[in-house]
Amino acid sequence: MTTPINLNKARKAKEKAEAEQRAKENRARFGRTKAEKKLEAAKAEKQAKLTEDHRRETPESQHGPKDG
């Protein structure tokens, strides 16, 4: 005869294993290192500055004064 098992412990162990698997999948899908995030932010900032530097006029001067 086999030894009895605690069903609560078995259920919780199964849920924990499933949660760990989901976390592993999410890390692979969404996870980025701090360095990768910093590099992407720096690239975006550089591109925004480059775009702004190539503007001919500021947005306010294109349409005249806003007050009237």
C-alpha atoms as a PDB file:
ATOM      1  CA  MET A   1       0.000   0.000   0.000  1.00  0.00           C
ATOM      2  CA  THR A   2       1.245   3.516  -0.802  1.00  0.00           C
ATOM      3  CA  THR A   3       1.699   6.259   1.729  1.00  0.00           C
ATOM      4  CA  PRO A   4      -0.998   8.908   1.857  1.00  0.00           C
ATOM      5  CA  ILE A   5      -0.202  12.391   0.535  1.00  0.00           C
ATOM      6  CA  ASN A   6      -1.493  15.742   1.639  1.00  0.00           C
ATOM      7  CA  LEU A   7      -3.579  17.033  -1.259  1.00  0.00           C
ATOM      8  CA  ASN A   8      -3.179  20.665  -0.178  1.00  0.00           C
ATOM      9  CA  LYS A   9       0.606  20.383  -0.342  1.00  0.00           C
ATOM     10  CA  ALA A  10       0.435  18.666  -3.735  1.00  0.00           C
ATOM     11  CA  ARG A  11      -1.926  21.346  -5.109  1.00  0.00           C
ATOM     12  CA  LYS A  12       0.233  24.184  -3.805  1.00  0.00           C
ATOM     13  CA  ALA A  13       3.412  22.576  -5.171  1.00  0.00           C
ATOM     14  CA  LYS A  14       1.780  22.236  -8.591  1.00  0.00           C
ATOM     15  CA  GLU A  15       0.620  25.888  -8.554  1.00  0.00           C
ATOM     16  CA  LYS A  16       4.086  27.052  -7.506  1.00  0.00           C
ATOM     17  CA  ALA A  17       5.722  25.096 -10.331  1.00  0.00           C
ATOM     18  CA  GLU A  18       3.267  26.584 -12.846  1.00  0.00           C
ATOM     19  CA  ALA A  19       3.898  30.105 -11.515  1.00  0.00           C
ATOM     20  CA  GLU A  20       7.656  29.596 -11.809  1.00  0.00           C
ATOM     21  CA  GLN A  21       7.217  28.423 -15.408  1.00  0.00           C
ATOM     22  CA  ARG A  22       5.098  31.513 -16.258  1.00  0.00           C
ATOM     23  CA  ALA A  23       7.693  33.747 -14.629  1.00  0.00           C
ATOM     24  CA  LYS A  24      10.451  32.119 -16.658  1.00  0.00           C
ATOM     25  CA  GLU A  25       8.487  32.681 -19.879  1.00  0.00           C
ATOM     26  CA  ASN A  26       7.783  36.314 -18.958  1.00  0.00           C
ATOM     27  CA  ARG A  27      11.444  36.979 -18.180  1.00  0.00           C
ATOM     28  CA  ALA A  28      12.374  35.665 -21.603  1.00  0.00           C
ATOM     29  CA  ARG A  29       9.625  37.646 -23.317  1.00  0.00           C
ATOM     30  CA  PHE A  30       9.740  40.984 -21.489  1.00  0.00           C
ATOM     31  CA  GLY A  31      12.890  41.045 -19.411  1.00  0.00           C
ATOM     32  CA  ARG A  32      15.687  43.411 -20.278  1.00  0.00           C
ATOM     33  CA  THR A  33      18.758  44.280 -18.322  1.00  0.00           C
ATOM     34  CA  LYS A  34      19.243  47.708 -16.835  1.00  0.00           C
ATOM     35  CA  ALA A  35      22.030  48.360 -19.346  1.00  0.00           C
ATOM     36  CA  GLU A  36      19.725  47.535 -22.266  1.00  0.00           C
ATOM     37  CA  LYS A  37      17.046  49.907 -20.945  1.00  0.00           C
ATOM     38  CA  LYS A  38      19.625  52.663 -20.416  1.00  0.00           C
ATOM     39  CA  LEU A  39      21.052  52.183 -23.922  1.00  0.00           C
ATOM     40  CA  GLU A  40      17.608  52.355 -25.501  1.00  0.00           C
ATOM     41  CA  ALA A  41      16.768  55.528 -23.557  1.00  0.00           C
ATOM     42  CA  ALA A  42      20.047  57.125 -24.653  1.00  0.00           C
ATOM     43  CA  LYS A  43      19.366  56.251 -28.290  1.00  0.00           C
ATOM     44  CA  ALA A  44      15.853  57.712 -28.076  1.00  0.00           C
ATOM     45  CA  GLU A  45      17.179  60.892 -26.469  1.00  0.00           C
ATOM     46  CA  LYS A  46      19.867  61.246 -29.134  1.00  0.00           C
ATOM     47  CA  GLN A  47      17.308  60.774 -31.907  1.00  0.00           C
ATOM     48  CA  ALA A  48      14.970  63.356 -30.348  1.00  0.00           C
ATOM     49  CA  LYS A  49      17.808  65.866 -30.072  1.00  0.00           C
ATOM     50  CA  LEU A  50      18.873  65.221 -33.662  1.00  0.00           C
ATOM     51  CA  THR A  51      15.314  65.751 -34.864  1.00  0.00           C
ATOM     52  CA  GLU A  52      14.947  68.930 -32.830  1.00  0.00           C
ATOM     53  CA  ASP A  53      18.298  70.271 -34.082  1.00  0.00           C
ATOM     54  CA  HIS A  54      17.159  69.860 -37.684  1.00  0.00           C
ATOM     55  CA  ARG A  55      13.976  71.892 -37.232  1.00  0.00           C
ATOM     56  CA  ARG A  56      13.820  75.023 -39.326  1.00  0.00           C
ATOM     57  CA  GLU A  57      11.516  76.913 -36.994  1.00  0.00           C
ATOM     58  CA  THR A  58      10.122  76.350 -33.556  1.00  0.00           C
ATOM     59  CA  PRO A  59       6.463  75.258 -33.437  1.00  0.00           C
ATOM     60  CA  GLU A  60       5.402  78.593 -31.848  1.00  0.00           C
ATOM     61  CA  SER A  61       6.941  80.710 -34.619  1.00  0.00           C
ATOM     62  CA  GLN A  62       5.248  78.685 -37.382  1.00  0.00           C
ATOM     63  CA  HIS A  63       1.757  79.771 -36.395  1.00  0.00           C
ATOM     64  CA  GLY A  64       2.465  83.171 -34.949  1.00  0.00           C
ATOM     65  CA  PRO A  65       1.763  84.287 -31.384  1.00  0.00           C
ATOM     66  CA  LYS A  66      -0.857  82.300 -29.505  1.00  0.00           C
ATOM     67  CA  ASP A  67      -2.417  85.291 -27.719  1.00  0.00           C
ATOM     68  CA  GLY A  68      -3.696  86.987 -30.776  1.00  0.00           C
END
